[in-house]
Amino acid sequence: MTGRQFLLLSCLSAMVLLCMLREGTGATVGSRQPAGEETQEDSTQKIFMQESDASNFLRRRSRRSPKSRDEVNEQEERSREAVEQWRQWHYDGLYPSYLYNRHHI
């Protein structure tokens, strides 16, 4: 009987917790408007961008457009950092490292 009571009590407490969490989402910190008073236009304004901005973005970043110099530099820097981290991790105390200068196997 205690197993059944424990199961019933845990299900009931989980249900109460879920109900409290669902009601708590409307009272988030920093919201200036009460819950439910945000208009439909405001929510779509936040999600979607202007049509002209979207077309400019797609025109600039089409499939064949080259990457900007900043994007190329950032990608090169990340790959350089990854190579440097790999070399530091696998460094065996010898310079140049022993693995690259083995003349025998």
C-alpha atoms as a PDB file:
ATOM      1  CA  MET A   1       0.000   0.000   0.000  1.00  0.00           C
ATOM      2  CA  THR A   2       2.853   2.402   0.711  1.00  0.00           C
ATOM      3  CA  GLY A   3       4.163   2.023  -2.845  1.00  0.00           C
ATOM      4  CA  ARG A   4       0.779   3.038  -4.231  1.00  0.00           C
ATOM      5  CA  GLN A   5       0.594   5.995  -1.834  1.00  0.00           C
ATOM      6  CA  PHE A   6       4.100   7.085  -2.788  1.00  0.00           C
ATOM      7  CA  LEU A   7       3.231   6.922  -6.497  1.00  0.00           C
ATOM      8  CA  LEU A   8       0.024   8.907  -5.949  1.00  0.00           C
ATOM      9  CA  LEU A   9       1.831  11.529  -3.869  1.00  0.00           C
ATOM     10  CA  SER A  10       4.648  11.948  -6.402  1.00  0.00           C
ATOM     11  CA  CYS A  11       2.195  12.281  -9.321  1.00  0.00           C
ATOM     12  CA  LEU A  12       0.157  14.830  -7.392  1.00  0.00           C
ATOM     13  CA  SER A  13       3.234  16.879  -6.471  1.00  0.00           C
ATOM     14  CA  ALA A  14       4.470  16.786 -10.085  1.00  0.00           C
ATOM     15  CA  MET A  15       1.083  17.998 -11.314  1.00  0.00           C
ATOM     16  CA  VAL A  16       1.043  20.860  -8.803  1.00  0.00           C
ATOM     17  CA  LEU A  17       4.590  21.822  -9.764  1.00  0.00           C
ATOM     18  CA  LEU A  18       3.737  21.847 -13.473  1.00  0.00           C
ATOM     19  CA  CYS A  19       0.663  24.008 -12.856  1.00  0.00           C
ATOM     20  CA  MET A  20       2.741  26.475 -10.860  1.00  0.00           C
ATOM     21  CA  LEU A  21       5.422  26.624 -13.558  1.00  0.00           C
ATOM     22  CA  ARG A  22       2.871  27.182 -16.317  1.00  0.00           C
ATOM     23  CA  GLU A  23       1.341  30.131 -14.463  1.00  0.00           C
ATOM     24  CA  GLY A  24       4.788  31.471 -13.584  1.00  0.00           C
ATOM     25  CA  THR A  25       5.826  31.958 -17.208  1.00  0.00           C
ATOM     26  CA  GLY A  26       3.493  34.933 -17.587  1.00  0.00           C
ATOM     27  CA  ALA A  27       5.181  36.738 -14.705  1.00  0.00           C
ATOM     28  CA  THR A  28       8.711  36.873 -16.010  1.00  0.00           C
ATOM     29  CA  VAL A  29      11.086  39.522 -14.744  1.00  0.00           C
ATOM     30  CA  GLY A  30      11.491  42.576 -16.930  1.00  0.00           C
ATOM     31  CA  SER A  31       8.211  42.429 -18.816  1.00  0.00           C
ATOM     32  CA  ARG A  32       6.684  45.881 -18.981  1.00  0.00           C
ATOM     33  CA  GLN A  33       3.250  44.794 -20.187  1.00  0.00           C
ATOM     34  CA  PRO A  34       0.977  42.440 -18.287  1.00  0.00           C
ATOM     35  CA  ALA A  35       0.711  38.972 -19.747  1.00  0.00           C
ATOM     36  CA  GLY A  36      -1.610  38.666 -22.725  1.00  0.00           C
ATOM     37  CA  GLU A  37      -1.773  42.366 -23.603  1.00  0.00           C
ATOM     38  CA  GLU A  38       0.880  42.250 -26.308  1.00  0.00           C
ATOM     39  CA  THR A  39      -0.715  42.871 -29.669  1.00  0.00           C
ATOM     40  CA  GLN A  40      -0.362  40.538 -32.612  1.00  0.00           C
ATOM     41  CA  GLU A  41       1.481  43.191 -34.633  1.00  0.00           C
ATOM     42  CA  ASP A  42       4.122  43.659 -31.942  1.00  0.00           C
ATOM     43  CA  SER A  43       4.882  39.957 -31.807  1.00  0.00           C
ATOM     44  CA  THR A  44       5.183  39.682 -35.599  1.00  0.00           C
ATOM     45  CA  GLN A  45       7.305  42.840 -35.625  1.00  0.00           C
ATOM     46  CA  LYS A  46       9.787  41.163 -33.275  1.00  0.00           C
ATOM     47  CA  ILE A  47       9.941  37.921 -35.245  1.00  0.00           C
ATOM     48  CA  PHE A  48       9.976  39.041 -38.867  1.00  0.00           C
ATOM     49  CA  MET A  49      12.166  41.632 -40.548  1.00  0.00           C
ATOM     50  CA  GLN A  50      11.092  44.190 -43.105  1.00  0.00           C
ATOM     51  CA  GLU A  51      10.674  42.870 -46.637  1.00  0.00           C
ATOM     52  CA  SER A  52      13.260  45.275 -48.026  1.00  0.00           C
ATOM     53  CA  ASP A  53      15.804  44.173 -45.400  1.00  0.00           C
ATOM     54  CA  ALA A  54      15.154  40.530 -46.209  1.00  0.00           C
ATOM     55  CA  SER A  55      15.570  41.030 -49.944  1.00  0.00           C
ATOM     56  CA  ASN A  56      18.785  43.010 -49.398  1.00  0.00           C
ATOM     57  CA  PHE A  57      20.121  40.253 -47.160  1.00  0.00           C
ATOM     58  CA  LEU A  58      19.321  37.569 -49.714  1.00  0.00           C
ATOM     59  CA  ARG A  59      20.787  39.641 -52.520  1.00  0.00           C
ATOM     60  CA  ARG A  60      24.018  40.202 -50.574  1.00  0.00           C
ATOM     61  CA  ARG A  61      24.390  36.590 -49.455  1.00  0.00           C
ATOM     62  CA  SER A  62      23.330  34.640 -52.497  1.00  0.00           C
ATOM     63  CA  ARG A  63      24.840  31.258 -53.222  1.00  0.00           C
ATOM     64  CA  ARG A  64      27.639  32.594 -55.409  1.00  0.00           C
ATOM     65  CA  SER A  65      28.511  35.697 -53.429  1.00  0.00           C
ATOM     66  CA  PRO A  66      32.007  35.716 -51.941  1.00  0.00           C
ATOM     67  CA  LYS A  67      32.527  35.928 -48.213  1.00  0.00           C
ATOM     68  CA  SER A  68      33.419  39.289 -46.807  1.00  0.00           C
ATOM     69  CA  ARG A  69      37.015  39.880 -45.749  1.00  0.00           C
ATOM     70  CA  ASP A  70      35.983  39.929 -42.084  1.00  0.00           C
ATOM     71  CA  GLU A  71      34.344  36.511 -42.381  1.00  0.00           C
ATOM     72  CA  VAL A  72      37.410  35.057 -44.076  1.00  0.00           C
ATOM     73  CA  ASN A  73      39.727  36.533 -41.436  1.00  0.00           C
ATOM     74  CA  GLU A  74      37.555  35.204 -38.625  1.00  0.00           C
ATOM     75  CA  GLN A  75      37.489  31.723 -40.126  1.00  0.00           C
ATOM     76  CA  GLU A  76      41.265  31.716 -40.633  1.00  0.00           C
ATOM     77  CA  GLU A  77      41.806  32.875 -37.064  1.00  0.00           C
ATOM     78  CA  ARG A  78      39.591  30.112 -35.690  1.00  0.00           C
ATOM     79  CA  SER A  79      41.349  27.429 -37.697  1.00  0.00           C
ATOM     80  CA  ARG A  80      44.738  28.834 -36.659  1.00  0.00           C
ATOM     81  CA  GLU A  81      43.689  28.747 -33.006  1.00  0.00           C
ATOM     82  CA  ALA A  82      42.460  25.174 -33.374  1.00  0.00           C
ATOM     83  CA  VAL A  83      45.772  24.087 -34.901  1.00  0.00           C
ATOM     84  CA  GLU A  84      47.679  25.864 -32.154  1.00  0.00           C
ATOM     85  CA  GLN A  85      45.608  24.170 -29.455  1.00  0.00           C
ATOM     86  CA  TRP A  86      46.179  20.786 -31.096  1.00  0.00           C
ATOM     87  CA  ARG A  87      49.932  21.384 -31.190  1.00  0.00           C
ATOM     88  CA  GLN A  88      49.994  22.452 -27.540  1.00  0.00           C
ATOM     89  CA  TRP A  89      48.011  19.391 -26.482  1.00  0.00           C
ATOM     90  CA  HIS A  90      50.188  16.951 -28.430  1.00  0.00           C
ATOM     91  CA  TYR A  91      53.525  18.588 -27.665  1.00  0.00           C
ATOM     92  CA  ASP A  92      55.963  16.001 -26.299  1.00  0.00           C
ATOM     93  CA  GLY A  93      58.750  18.296 -25.103  1.00  0.00           C
ATOM     94  CA  LEU A  94      60.919  17.976 -28.179  1.00  0.00           C
ATOM     95  CA  TYR A  95      61.155  20.626 -30.832  1.00  0.00           C
ATOM     96  CA  PRO A  96      60.377  19.931 -33.578  1.00  0.00           C
ATOM     97  CA  SER A  97      58.167  17.256 -32.160  1.00  0.00           C
ATOM     98  CA  TYR A  98      59.325  13.671 -32.239  1.00  0.00           C
ATOM     99  CA  LEU A  99      56.327  12.310 -34.157  1.00  0.00           C
ATOM    100  CA  TYR A 100      57.073  14.434 -37.181  1.00  0.00           C
ATOM    101  CA  ASN A 101      60.783  13.592 -37.274  1.00  0.00           C
ATOM    102  CA  ARG A 102      60.720   9.828 -36.877  1.00  0.00           C
ATOM    103  CA  HIS A 103      62.947   8.170 -39.434  1.00  0.00           C
ATOM    104  CA  HIS A 104      62.002   4.700 -38.321  1.00  0.00           C
ATOM    105  CA  ILE A 105      58.746   3.026 -37.446  1.00  0.00           C
END
